[in-house]
Amino acid sequence: MPLIEVTLSAGRTAAQVRSMIHEVHAAVERTTAARPEHIRVIVREVPRDHWATGDVTLTELDASSG
């Protein structure tokens, strides 16, 4: 039973996340012998001020770029 976990910074629409889930599910179904009902996809959304790169949060990066 494949279990795929995706971590994203928050900010995408529900439709974008749903589309991504569909595409990930389709890729796993296409490339493994798993039955579709056995494929699990978990999406974790992290607030942008809880995700940092190089000691700068994504929120801070957003503010500095625009």
C-alpha atoms as a PDB file:
ATOM      1  CA  MET A   1       0.000   0.000   0.000  1.00  0.00           C
ATOM      2  CA  PRO A   2       1.847   3.131  -1.165  1.00  0.00           C
ATOM      3  CA  LEU A   3       1.731   6.122   1.165  1.00  0.00           C
ATOM      4  CA  ILE A   4       2.863   9.401  -0.330  1.00  0.00           C
ATOM      5  CA  GLU A   5       3.358  12.430   1.901  1.00  0.00           C
ATOM      6  CA  VAL A   6       3.689  15.894   0.380  1.00  0.00           C
ATOM      7  CA  THR A   7       4.642  18.946   2.402  1.00  0.00           C
ATOM      8  CA  LEU A   8       3.836  22.338   0.906  1.00  0.00           C
ATOM      9  CA  SER A   9       3.966  25.872   2.130  1.00  0.00           C
ATOM     10  CA  ALA A  10       0.428  27.136   2.687  1.00  0.00           C
ATOM     11  CA  GLY A  11      -1.163  29.394   0.141  1.00  0.00           C
ATOM     12  CA  ARG A  12      -2.474  27.216  -2.647  1.00  0.00           C
ATOM     13  CA  THR A  13      -6.155  26.983  -3.422  1.00  0.00           C
ATOM     14  CA  ALA A  14      -8.181  23.886  -2.591  1.00  0.00           C
ATOM     15  CA  ALA A  15      -8.466  23.241  -6.329  1.00  0.00           C
ATOM     16  CA  GLN A  16      -4.676  23.367  -6.769  1.00  0.00           C
ATOM     17  CA  VAL A  17      -4.129  20.913  -3.901  1.00  0.00           C
ATOM     18  CA  ARG A  18      -6.847  18.608  -5.232  1.00  0.00           C
ATOM     19  CA  SER A  19      -5.293  18.666  -8.699  1.00  0.00           C
ATOM     20  CA  MET A  20      -1.874  17.842  -7.253  1.00  0.00           C
ATOM     21  CA  ILE A  21      -3.360  14.920  -5.275  1.00  0.00           C
ATOM     22  CA  HIS A  22      -4.939  13.607  -8.479  1.00  0.00           C
ATOM     23  CA  GLU A  23      -1.674  13.861 -10.431  1.00  0.00           C
ATOM     24  CA  VAL A  24       0.390  12.200  -7.674  1.00  0.00           C
ATOM     25  CA  HIS A  25      -2.177   9.407  -7.357  1.00  0.00           C
ATOM     26  CA  ALA A  26      -2.176   8.894 -11.130  1.00  0.00           C
ATOM     27  CA  ALA A  27       1.641   8.734 -11.256  1.00  0.00           C
ATOM     28  CA  VAL A  28       1.806   6.156  -8.458  1.00  0.00           C
ATOM     29  CA  GLU A  29      -0.967   4.100 -10.028  1.00  0.00           C
ATOM     30  CA  ARG A  30       0.790   4.228 -13.413  1.00  0.00           C
ATOM     31  CA  THR A  31       4.230   3.260 -12.077  1.00  0.00           C
ATOM     32  CA  THR A  32       3.417   0.636  -9.450  1.00  0.00           C
ATOM     33  CA  ALA A  33       1.284  -2.454  -9.255  1.00  0.00           C
ATOM     34  CA  ALA A  34      -0.801  -0.925  -6.453  1.00  0.00           C
ATOM     35  CA  ARG A  35      -4.556  -0.992  -6.683  1.00  0.00           C
ATOM     36  CA  PRO A  36      -6.002   2.545  -6.812  1.00  0.00           C
ATOM     37  CA  GLU A  37      -7.978   2.105  -3.601  1.00  0.00           C
ATOM     38  CA  HIS A  38      -4.759   1.225  -1.774  1.00  0.00           C
ATOM     39  CA  ILE A  39      -2.886   4.406  -2.704  1.00  0.00           C
ATOM     40  CA  ARG A  40      -2.787   6.999   0.069  1.00  0.00           C
ATOM     41  CA  VAL A  41      -1.784  10.642  -0.415  1.00  0.00           C
ATOM     42  CA  ILE A  42      -1.317  12.956   2.560  1.00  0.00           C
ATOM     43  CA  VAL A  43      -0.810  16.683   2.062  1.00  0.00           C
ATOM     44  CA  ARG A  44       0.611  18.754   4.880  1.00  0.00           C
ATOM     45  CA  GLU A  45       0.467  22.509   4.589  1.00  0.00           C
ATOM     46  CA  VAL A  46       2.956  24.490   6.636  1.00  0.00           C
ATOM     47  CA  PRO A  47       2.331  28.164   7.389  1.00  0.00           C
ATOM     48  CA  ARG A  48       4.830  30.274   5.454  1.00  0.00           C
ATOM     49  CA  ASP A  49       6.119  31.829   8.679  1.00  0.00           C
ATOM     50  CA  HIS A  50       6.946  28.317   9.979  1.00  0.00           C
ATOM     51  CA  TRP A  51       9.160  27.409   7.002  1.00  0.00           C
ATOM     52  CA  ALA A  52      12.626  28.899   6.638  1.00  0.00           C
ATOM     53  CA  THR A  53      15.449  28.672   4.163  1.00  0.00           C
ATOM     54  CA  GLY A  54      18.811  30.092   5.156  1.00  0.00           C
ATOM     55  CA  ASP A  55      17.339  31.487   8.404  1.00  0.00           C
ATOM     56  CA  VAL A  56      14.748  33.498   6.464  1.00  0.00           C
ATOM     57  CA  THR A  57      11.094  32.501   6.606  1.00  0.00           C
ATOM     58  CA  LEU A  58       9.055  32.236   3.445  1.00  0.00           C
ATOM     59  CA  THR A  59       6.930  35.107   4.771  1.00  0.00           C
ATOM     60  CA  GLU A  60      10.054  37.257   5.032  1.00  0.00           C
ATOM     61  CA  LEU A  61      11.099  36.232   1.526  1.00  0.00           C
ATOM     62  CA  ASP A  62       7.650  37.171   0.226  1.00  0.00           C
ATOM     63  CA  ALA A  63       7.903  40.613   1.848  1.00  0.00           C
ATOM     64  CA  SER A  64      11.355  41.276   0.451  1.00  0.00           C
ATOM     65  CA  SER A  65      10.460  40.328  -3.116  1.00  0.00           C
ATOM     66  CA  GLY A  66       7.447  42.450  -3.674  1.00  0.00           C
END
